[in-house]
Amino acid sequence: MKNLVWLVVAAIIALGGYMLFTGKGPQEVATEASDAINAPAVVDEVTEAAEKAGEAINEVVDDATQSANDAAEEVTE
Protein backbone atom coordinates (compact mmCIF):
# COMPACT_ATOMS: atom_id res chain seq x y z
CA MET A 1 0.00 0.00 0.00
CA LYS A 2 2.87 2.32 0.83
CA ASN A 3 4.37 1.71 -2.63
CA LEU A 4 1.07 2.60 -4.25
CA VAL A 5 1.00 5.92 -2.43
CA TRP A 6 4.53 6.70 -3.59
CA LEU A 7 3.59 5.74 -7.13
CA VAL A 8 0.62 8.12 -7.11
CA VAL A 9 2.77 10.92 -5.66
CA ALA A 10 5.42 10.33 -8.33
CA ALA A 11 2.78 10.39 -11.08
CA ILE A 12 1.38 13.68 -9.79
CA ILE A 13 4.85 15.22 -9.62
CA ALA A 14 5.67 13.97 -13.14
CA LEU A 15 2.41 15.35 -14.53
CA GLY A 16 2.95 18.69 -12.78
CA GLY A 17 6.51 18.88 -14.07
CA TYR A 18 5.35 18.09 -17.59
CA MET A 19 2.71 20.80 -17.46
CA LEU A 20 5.22 23.29 -16.02
CA PHE A 21 7.90 22.43 -18.58
CA THR A 22 5.64 22.51 -21.65
CA GLY A 23 3.47 25.39 -20.50
CA LYS A 24 0.31 23.43 -21.23
CA GLY A 25 -2.72 23.57 -19.03
CA PRO A 26 -4.74 20.65 -17.74
CA GLN A 27 -7.26 21.00 -20.60
CA GLU A 28 -4.55 20.70 -23.26
CA VAL A 29 -2.98 17.70 -21.53
CA ALA A 30 -6.40 16.04 -21.28
CA THR A 31 -7.01 16.69 -24.99
CA GLU A 32 -3.69 15.09 -25.91
CA ALA A 33 -4.47 12.08 -23.73
CA SER A 34 -7.88 11.80 -25.38
CA ASP A 35 -6.28 11.87 -28.83
CA ALA A 36 -3.84 9.16 -27.78
CA ILE A 37 -6.71 6.98 -26.61
CA ASN A 38 -8.42 7.40 -29.99
CA ALA A 39 -5.29 6.05 -31.70
CA PRO A 40 -6.87 2.58 -32.26
CA ALA A 41 -8.51 4.04 -35.39
CA VAL A 42 -5.01 4.45 -36.82
CA VAL A 43 -4.13 0.93 -35.70
CA ASP A 44 -7.16 -0.40 -37.60
CA GLU A 45 -6.03 1.35 -40.77
CA VAL A 46 -2.52 -0.05 -40.43
CA THR A 47 -3.91 -3.53 -39.80
CA GLU A 48 -6.05 -3.36 -42.93
CA ALA A 49 -3.07 -2.20 -44.99
CA ALA A 50 -0.95 -5.04 -43.60
CA GLU A 51 -3.66 -7.57 -44.44
CA LYS A 52 -3.86 -6.29 -48.02
CA ALA A 53 -0.07 -6.44 -48.32
CA GLY A 54 -0.09 -9.99 -46.97
CA GLU A 55 -2.70 -11.04 -49.50
CA ALA A 56 -0.68 -9.47 -52.31
CA ILE A 57 2.46 -11.28 -51.15
CA ASN A 58 0.57 -14.58 -51.03
CA GLU A 59 -0.64 -14.07 -54.61
CA VAL A 60 2.89 -13.30 -55.81
CA VAL A 61 4.28 -16.37 -54.04
CA ASP A 62 1.51 -18.56 -55.47
CA ASP A 63 2.20 -17.24 -58.98
CA ALA A 64 5.93 -17.79 -58.58
CA THR A 65 5.36 -21.33 -57.31
CA GLN A 66 3.06 -22.11 -60.21
CA SER A 67 5.59 -20.72 -62.69
CA ALA A 68 8.38 -22.80 -61.14
CA ASN A 69 6.22 -25.91 -61.28
CA ASP A 70 5.36 -25.26 -64.93
CA ALA A 71 9.02 -24.72 -65.77
CA ALA A 72 10.00 -27.91 -63.98
CA GLU A 73 7.36 -29.88 -65.90
CA GLU A 74 8.60 -28.49 -69.20
CA VAL A 75 12.17 -29.42 -68.34
CA THR A 76 11.21 -32.97 -67.42
CA GLU A 77 9.27 -33.40 -70.68
PDB file of N, CA and C in Angstrom:
ATOM      1  N   MET A   1       0.825  -1.188   0.000  1.00  0.00           N
ATOM      2  CA  MET A   1       0.000   0.000   0.000  1.00  0.00           C
ATOM      3  C   MET A   1       0.870   1.252   0.000  1.00  0.00           C
ATOM      4  N   LYS A   2       1.964   1.173   0.753  1.00  0.00           N
ATOM      5  CA  LYS A   2       2.868   2.316   0.830  1.00  0.00           C
ATOM      6  C   LYS A   2       3.480   2.599  -0.548  1.00  0.00           C
ATOM      7  N   ASN A   3       3.802   1.534  -1.284  1.00  0.00           N
ATOM      8  CA  ASN A   3       4.374   1.705  -2.626  1.00  0.00           C
ATOM      9  C   ASN A   3       3.364   2.351  -3.572  1.00  0.00           C
ATOM     10  N   LEU A   4       2.105   2.009  -3.415  1.00  0.00           N
ATOM     11  CA  LEU A   4       1.068   2.595  -4.255  1.00  0.00           C
ATOM     12  C   LEU A   4       0.952   4.094  -4.009  1.00  0.00           C
ATOM     13  N   VAL A   5       1.050   4.500  -2.770  1.00  0.00           N
ATOM     14  CA  VAL A   5       0.998   5.925  -2.432  1.00  0.00           C
ATOM     15  C   VAL A   5       2.173   6.660  -3.068  1.00  0.00           C
ATOM     16  N   TRP A   6       3.362   6.068  -2.988  1.00  0.00           N
ATOM     17  CA  TRP A   6       4.525   6.698  -3.594  1.00  0.00           C
ATOM     18  C   TRP A   6       4.399   6.767  -5.117  1.00  0.00           C
ATOM     19  N   LEU A   7       3.801   5.753  -5.689  1.00  0.00           N
ATOM     20  CA  LEU A   7       3.586   5.739  -7.130  1.00  0.00           C
ATOM     21  C   LEU A   7       2.640   6.857  -7.555  1.00  0.00           C
ATOM     22  N   VAL A   8       1.573   7.051  -6.802  1.00  0.00           N
ATOM     23  CA  VAL A   8       0.617   8.124  -7.105  1.00  0.00           C
ATOM     24  C   VAL A   8       1.282   9.481  -6.945  1.00  0.00           C
ATOM     25  N   VAL A   9       2.063   9.650  -5.880  1.00  0.00           N
ATOM     26  CA  VAL A   9       2.765  10.921  -5.656  1.00  0.00           C
ATOM     27  C   VAL A   9       3.748  11.185  -6.796  1.00  0.00           C
ATOM     28  N   ALA A  10       4.477  10.173  -7.223  1.00  0.00           N
ATOM     29  CA  ALA A  10       5.425  10.329  -8.328  1.00  0.00           C
ATOM     30  C   ALA A  10       4.706  10.693  -9.623  1.00  0.00           C
ATOM     31  N   ALA A  11       3.545  10.080  -9.874  1.00  0.00           N
ATOM     32  CA  ALA A  11       2.778  10.388 -11.079  1.00  0.00           C
ATOM     33  C   ALA A  11       2.290  11.832 -11.053  1.00  0.00           C
ATOM     34  N   ILE A  12       1.841  12.294  -9.902  1.00  0.00           N
ATOM     35  CA  ILE A  12       1.379  13.682  -9.787  1.00  0.00           C
ATOM     36  C   ILE A  12       2.530  14.658 -10.006  1.00  0.00           C
ATOM     37  N   ILE A  13       3.680  14.354  -9.436  1.00  0.00           N
ATOM     38  CA  ILE A  13       4.851  15.220  -9.624  1.00  0.00           C
ATOM     39  C   ILE A  13       5.280  15.222 -11.091  1.00  0.00           C
ATOM     40  N   ALA A  14       5.277  14.056 -11.722  1.00  0.00           N
ATOM     41  CA  ALA A  14       5.666  13.974 -13.136  1.00  0.00           C
ATOM     42  C   ALA A  14       4.695  14.753 -14.012  1.00  0.00           C
ATOM     43  N   LEU A  15       3.402  14.624 -13.744  1.00  0.00           N
ATOM     44  CA  LEU A  15       2.406  15.351 -14.525  1.00  0.00           C
ATOM     45  C   LEU A  15       2.547  16.856 -14.316  1.00  0.00           C
ATOM     46  N   GLY A  16       2.742  17.267 -13.071  1.00  0.00           N
ATOM     47  CA  GLY A  16       2.947  18.691 -12.781  1.00  0.00           C
ATOM     48  C   GLY A  16       4.193  19.227 -13.450  1.00  0.00           C
ATOM     49  N   GLY A  17       5.280  18.463 -13.410  1.00  0.00           N
ATOM     50  CA  GLY A  17       6.515  18.879 -14.069  1.00  0.00           C
ATOM     51  C   GLY A  17       6.351  18.981 -15.573  1.00  0.00           C
ATOM     52  N   TYR A  18       5.614  18.049 -16.146  1.00  0.00           N
ATOM     53  CA  TYR A  18       5.352  18.086 -17.591  1.00  0.00           C
ATOM     54  C   TYR A  18       4.569  19.339 -17.960  1.00  0.00           C
ATOM     55  N   MET A  19       3.531  19.616 -17.179  1.00  0.00           N
ATOM     56  CA  MET A  19       2.709  20.799 -17.464  1.00  0.00           C
ATOM     57  C   MET A  19       3.522  22.076 -17.268  1.00  0.00           C
ATOM     58  N   LEU A  20       4.386  22.125 -16.263  1.00  0.00           N
ATOM     59  CA  LEU A  20       5.218  23.293 -16.021  1.00  0.00           C
ATOM     60  C   LEU A  20       6.244  23.464 -17.135  1.00  0.00           C
ATOM     61  N   PHE A  21       6.858  22.377 -17.557  1.00  0.00           N
ATOM     62  CA  PHE A  21       7.898  22.428 -18.579  1.00  0.00           C
ATOM     63  C   PHE A  21       7.343  22.807 -19.941  1.00  0.00           C
ATOM     64  N   THR A  22       6.188  22.248 -20.326  1.00  0.00           N
ATOM     65  CA  THR A  22       5.636  22.510 -21.648  1.00  0.00           C
ATOM     66  C   THR A  22       4.762  23.756 -21.687  1.00  0.00           C
ATOM     67  N   GLY A  23       4.330  24.213 -20.540  1.00  0.00           N
ATOM     68  CA  GLY A  23       3.468  25.385 -20.497  1.00  0.00           C
ATOM     69  C   GLY A  23       2.025  25.073 -20.874  1.00  0.00           C
ATOM     70  N   LYS A  24       1.674  23.820 -20.873  1.00  0.00           N
ATOM     71  CA  LYS A  24       0.315  23.426 -21.233  1.00  0.00           C
ATOM     72  C   LYS A  24      -0.530  23.330 -19.971  1.00  0.00           C
ATOM     73  N   GLY A  25      -1.791  23.662 -20.145  1.00  0.00           N
ATOM     74  CA  GLY A  25      -2.721  23.565 -19.034  1.00  0.00           C
ATOM     75  C   GLY A  25      -3.338  22.185 -18.952  1.00  0.00           C
ATOM     76  N   PRO A  26      -4.110  21.961 -17.900  1.00  0.00           N
ATOM     77  CA  PRO A  26      -4.740  20.648 -17.741  1.00  0.00           C
ATOM     78  C   PRO A  26      -5.669  20.284 -18.904  1.00  0.00           C
ATOM     79  N   GLN A  27      -6.341  21.277 -19.486  1.00  0.00           N
ATOM     80  CA  GLN A  27      -7.255  20.998 -20.598  1.00  0.00           C
ATOM     81  C   GLN A  27      -6.489  20.501 -21.821  1.00  0.00           C
ATOM     82  N   GLU A  28      -5.349  21.124 -22.109  1.00  0.00           N
ATOM     83  CA  GLU A  28      -4.551  20.699 -23.260  1.00  0.00           C
ATOM     84  C   GLU A  28      -3.972  19.303 -23.046  1.00  0.00           C
ATOM     85  N   VAL A  29      -3.527  19.023 -21.834  1.00  0.00           N
ATOM     86  CA  VAL A  29      -2.984  17.697 -21.532  1.00  0.00           C
ATOM     87  C   VAL A  29      -4.081  16.650 -21.661  1.00  0.00           C
ATOM     88  N   ALA A  30      -5.281  16.977 -21.181  1.00  0.00           N
ATOM     89  CA  ALA A  30      -6.403  16.044 -21.280  1.00  0.00           C
ATOM     90  C   ALA A  30      -6.773  15.796 -22.742  1.00  0.00           C
ATOM     91  N   THR A  31      -6.702  16.838 -23.567  1.00  0.00           N
ATOM     92  CA  THR A  31      -7.009  16.690 -24.991  1.00  0.00           C
ATOM     93  C   THR A  31      -5.989  15.773 -25.665  1.00  0.00           C
ATOM     94  N   GLU A  32      -4.717  15.948 -25.335  1.00  0.00           N
ATOM     95  CA  GLU A  32      -3.688  15.091 -25.907  1.00  0.00           C
ATOM     96  C   GLU A  32      -3.886  13.640 -25.481  1.00  0.00           C
ATOM     97  N   ALA A  33      -4.227  13.438 -24.222  1.00  0.00           N
ATOM     98  CA  ALA A  33      -4.467  12.075 -23.734  1.00  0.00           C
ATOM     99  C   ALA A  33      -5.665  11.467 -24.447  1.00  0.00           C
ATOM    100  N   SER A  34      -6.689  12.270 -24.668  1.00  0.00           N
ATOM    101  CA  SER A  34      -7.876  11.796 -25.377  1.00  0.00           C
ATOM    102  C   SER A  34      -7.525  11.390 -26.804  1.00  0.00           C
ATOM    103  N   ASP A  35      -6.703  12.192 -27.461  1.00  0.00           N
ATOM    104  CA  ASP A  35      -6.283  11.868 -28.828  1.00  0.00           C
ATOM    105  C   ASP A  35      -5.463  10.577 -28.853  1.00  0.00           C
ATOM    106  N   ALA A  36      -4.648  10.379 -27.838  1.00  0.00           N
ATOM    107  CA  ALA A  36      -3.841   9.165 -27.777  1.00  0.00           C
ATOM    108  C   ALA A  36      -4.725   7.938 -27.576  1.00  0.00           C
ATOM    109  N   ILE A  37      -5.793   8.095 -26.835  1.00  0.00           N
ATOM    110  CA  ILE A  37      -6.709   6.976 -26.609  1.00  0.00           C
ATOM    111  C   ILE A  37      -7.459   6.636 -27.885  1.00  0.00           C
ATOM    112  N   ASN A  38      -7.715   7.625 -28.731  1.00  0.00           N
ATOM    113  CA  ASN A  38      -8.418   7.398 -29.987  1.00  0.00           C
ATOM    114  C   ASN A  38      -7.494   6.856 -31.072  1.00  0.00           C
ATOM    115  N   ALA A  39      -6.259   6.571 -30.736  1.00  0.00           N
ATOM    116  CA  ALA A  39      -5.293   6.052 -31.700  1.00  0.00           C
ATOM    117  C   ALA A  39      -5.676   4.694 -32.285  1.00  0.00           C
ATOM    118  N   PRO A  40      -6.528   3.872 -31.634  1.00  0.00           N
ATOM    119  CA  PRO A  40      -6.866   2.583 -32.260  1.00  0.00           C
ATOM    120  C   PRO A  40      -7.445   2.715 -33.670  1.00  0.00           C
ATOM    121  N   ALA A  41      -8.024   3.858 -34.020  1.00  0.00           N
ATOM    122  CA  ALA A  41      -8.506   4.044 -35.385  1.00  0.00           C
ATOM    123  C   ALA A  41      -7.337   3.958 -36.359  1.00  0.00           C
ATOM    124  N   VAL A  42      -6.201   4.521 -35.981  1.00  0.00           N
ATOM    125  CA  VAL A  42      -5.010   4.448 -36.822  1.00  0.00           C
ATOM    126  C   VAL A  42      -4.508   3.011 -36.873  1.00  0.00           C
ATOM    127  N   VAL A  43      -4.567   2.322 -35.751  1.00  0.00           N
ATOM    128  CA  VAL A  43      -4.131   0.929 -35.702  1.00  0.00           C
ATOM    129  C   VAL A  43      -4.982   0.082 -36.641  1.00  0.00           C
ATOM    130  N   ASP A  44      -6.286   0.346 -36.695  1.00  0.00           N
ATOM    131  CA  ASP A  44      -7.157  -0.400 -37.597  1.00  0.00           C
ATOM    132  C   ASP A  44      -6.762  -0.181 -39.047  1.00  0.00           C
ATOM    133  N   GLU A  45      -6.436   1.055 -39.400  1.00  0.00           N
ATOM    134  CA  GLU A  45      -6.027   1.348 -40.772  1.00  0.00           C
ATOM    135  C   GLU A  45      -4.729   0.630 -41.117  1.00  0.00           C
ATOM    136  N   VAL A  46      -3.794   0.632 -40.188  1.00  0.00           N
ATOM    137  CA  VAL A  46      -2.518  -0.045 -40.431  1.00  0.00           C
ATOM    138  C   VAL A  46      -2.734  -1.550 -40.553  1.00  0.00           C
ATOM    139  N   THR A  47      -3.616  -2.094 -39.736  1.00  0.00           N
ATOM    140  CA  THR A  47      -3.913  -3.525 -39.797  1.00  0.00           C
ATOM    141  C   THR A  47      -4.517  -3.900 -41.141  1.00  0.00           C
ATOM    142  N   GLU A  48      -5.445  -3.091 -41.621  1.00  0.00           N
ATOM    143  CA  GLU A  48      -6.052  -3.357 -42.928  1.00  0.00           C
ATOM    144  C   GLU A  48      -5.009  -3.311 -44.038  1.00  0.00           C
ATOM    145  N   ALA A  49      -4.114  -2.320 -43.981  1.00  0.00           N
ATOM    146  CA  ALA A  49      -3.072  -2.203 -44.993  1.00  0.00           C
ATOM    147  C   ALA A  49      -2.139  -3.415 -44.942  1.00  0.00           C
ATOM    148  N   ALA A  50      -1.822  -3.871 -43.738  1.00  0.00           N
ATOM    149  CA  ALA A  50      -0.948  -5.041 -43.596  1.00  0.00           C
ATOM    150  C   ALA A  50      -1.629  -6.293 -44.142  1.00  0.00           C
ATOM    151  N   GLU A  51      -2.930  -6.422 -43.904  1.00  0.00           N
ATOM    152  CA  GLU A  51      -3.661  -7.575 -44.438  1.00  0.00           C
ATOM    153  C   GLU A  51      -3.658  -7.562 -45.959  1.00  0.00           C
ATOM    154  N   LYS A  52      -3.880  -6.392 -46.558  1.00  0.00           N
ATOM    155  CA  LYS A  52      -3.859  -6.290 -48.017  1.00  0.00           C
ATOM    156  C   LYS A  52      -2.474  -6.620 -48.562  1.00  0.00           C
ATOM    157  N   ALA A  53      -1.433  -6.141 -47.888  1.00  0.00           N
ATOM    158  CA  ALA A  53      -0.074  -6.437 -48.324  1.00  0.00           C
ATOM    159  C   ALA A  53       0.207  -7.935 -48.213  1.00  0.00           C
ATOM    160  N   GLY A  54      -0.273  -8.552 -47.142  1.00  0.00           N
ATOM    161  CA  GLY A  54      -0.091  -9.991 -46.971  1.00  0.00           C
ATOM    162  C   GLY A  54      -0.782 -10.776 -48.064  1.00  0.00           C
ATOM    163  N   GLU A  55      -1.984 -10.360 -48.418  1.00  0.00           N
ATOM    164  CA  GLU A  55      -2.702 -11.037 -49.498  1.00  0.00           C
ATOM    165  C   GLU A  55      -1.957 -10.892 -50.822  1.00  0.00           C
ATOM    166  N   ALA A  56      -1.423  -9.693 -51.081  1.00  0.00           N
ATOM    167  CA  ALA A  56      -0.679  -9.471 -52.314  1.00  0.00           C
ATOM    168  C   ALA A  56       0.579 -10.338 -52.345  1.00  0.00           C
ATOM    169  N   ILE A  57       1.248 -10.449 -51.217  1.00  0.00           N
ATOM    170  CA  ILE A  57       2.458 -11.283 -51.155  1.00  0.00           C
ATOM    171  C   ILE A  57       2.101 -12.743 -51.391  1.00  0.00           C
ATOM    172  N   ASN A  58       0.996 -13.188 -50.814  1.00  0.00           N
ATOM    173  CA  ASN A  58       0.567 -14.576 -51.034  1.00  0.00           C
ATOM    174  C   ASN A  58       0.284 -14.839 -52.502  1.00  0.00           C
ATOM    175  N   GLU A  59      -0.347 -13.899 -53.186  1.00  0.00           N
ATOM    176  CA  GLU A  59      -0.636 -14.066 -54.605  1.00  0.00           C
ATOM    177  C   GLU A  59       0.655 -14.148 -55.413  1.00  0.00           C
ATOM    178  N   VAL A  60       1.618 -13.293 -55.094  1.00  0.00           N
ATOM    179  CA  VAL A  60       2.889 -13.301 -55.812  1.00  0.00           C
ATOM    180  C   VAL A  60       3.616 -14.627 -55.586  1.00  0.00           C
ATOM    181  N   VAL A  61       3.614 -15.096 -54.343  1.00  0.00           N
ATOM    182  CA  VAL A  61       4.276 -16.366 -54.041  1.00  0.00           C
ATOM    183  C   VAL A  61       3.576 -17.513 -54.759  1.00  0.00           C
ATOM    184  N   ASP A  62       2.253 -17.505 -54.776  1.00  0.00           N
ATOM    185  CA  ASP A  62       1.515 -18.556 -55.473  1.00  0.00           C
ATOM    186  C   ASP A  62       1.830 -18.544 -56.967  1.00  0.00           C
ATOM    187  N   ASP A  63       1.870 -17.351 -57.554  1.00  0.00           N
ATOM    188  CA  ASP A  63       2.196 -17.237 -58.977  1.00  0.00           C
ATOM    189  C   ASP A  63       3.616 -17.729 -59.256  1.00  0.00           C
ATOM    190  N   ALA A  64       4.548 -17.364 -58.399  1.00  0.00           N
ATOM    191  CA  ALA A  64       5.933 -17.786 -58.584  1.00  0.00           C
ATOM    192  C   ALA A  64       6.052 -19.304 -58.450  1.00  0.00           C
ATOM    193  N   THR A  65       5.337 -19.876 -57.494  1.00  0.00           N
ATOM    194  CA  THR A  65       5.361 -21.326 -57.306  1.00  0.00           C
ATOM    195  C   THR A  65       4.780 -22.032 -58.523  1.00  0.00           C
ATOM    196  N   GLN A  66       3.680 -21.503 -59.029  1.00  0.00           N
ATOM    197  CA  GLN A  66       3.058 -22.107 -60.209  1.00  0.00           C
ATOM    198  C   GLN A  66       3.994 -22.013 -61.411  1.00  0.00           C
ATOM    199  N   SER A  67       4.654 -20.880 -61.579  1.00  0.00           N
ATOM    200  CA  SER A  67       5.593 -20.724 -62.695  1.00  0.00           C
ATOM    201  C   SER A  67       6.764 -21.687 -62.567  1.00  0.00           C
ATOM    202  N   ALA A  68       7.267 -21.853 -61.342  1.00  0.00           N
ATOM    203  CA  ALA A  68       8.382 -22.796 -61.136  1.00  0.00           C
ATOM    204  C   ALA A  68       7.933 -24.212 -61.410  1.00  0.00           C
ATOM    205  N   ASN A  69       6.735 -24.559 -61.001  1.00  0.00           N
ATOM    206  CA  ASN A  69       6.217 -25.910 -61.281  1.00  0.00           C
ATOM    207  C   ASN A  69       6.053 -26.138 -62.776  1.00  0.00           C
ATOM    208  N   ASP A  70       5.525 -25.139 -63.486  1.00  0.00           N
ATOM    209  CA  ASP A  70       5.359 -25.259 -64.934  1.00  0.00           C
ATOM    210  C   ASP A  70       6.713 -25.409 -65.622  1.00  0.00           C
ATOM    211  N   ALA A  71       7.691 -24.631 -65.172  1.00  0.00           N
ATOM    212  CA  ALA A  71       9.017 -24.718 -65.773  1.00  0.00           C
ATOM    213  C   ALA A  71       9.636 -26.075 -65.502  1.00  0.00           C
ATOM    214  N   ALA A  72       9.444 -26.592 -64.309  1.00  0.00           N
ATOM    215  CA  ALA A  72      10.002 -27.906 -63.977  1.00  0.00           C
ATOM    216  C   ALA A  72       9.347 -29.005 -64.814  1.00  0.00           C
ATOM    217  N   GLU A  73       8.059 -28.892 -65.073  1.00  0.00           N
ATOM    218  CA  GLU A  73       7.358 -29.876 -65.898  1.00  0.00           C
ATOM    219  C   GLU A  73       7.860 -29.834 -67.335  1.00  0.00           C
ATOM    220  N   GLU A  74       8.103 -28.614 -67.836  1.00  0.00           N
ATOM    221  CA  GLU A  74       8.599 -28.489 -69.198  1.00  0.00           C
ATOM    222  C   GLU A  74      10.002 -29.074 -69.329  1.00  0.00           C
ATOM    223  N   VAL A  75      10.815 -28.896 -68.299  1.00  0.00           N
ATOM    224  CA  VAL A  75      12.172 -29.419 -68.341  1.00  0.00           C
ATOM    225  C   VAL A  75      12.151 -30.941 -68.307  1.00  0.00           C
ATOM    226  N   THR A  76      11.270 -31.509 -67.511  1.00  0.00           N
ATOM    227  CA  THR A  76      11.215 -32.974 -67.417  1.00  0.00           C
ATOM    228  C   THR A  76      10.643 -33.602 -68.666  1.00  0.00           C
ATOM    229  N   GLU A  77       9.822 -32.864 -69.427  1.00  0.00           N
ATOM    230  CA  GLU A  77       9.266 -33.403 -70.676  1.00  0.00           C
ATOM    231  C   GLU A  77      10.319 -33.307 -71.726  1.00  0.00           C
TER     232      GLU A  77
END
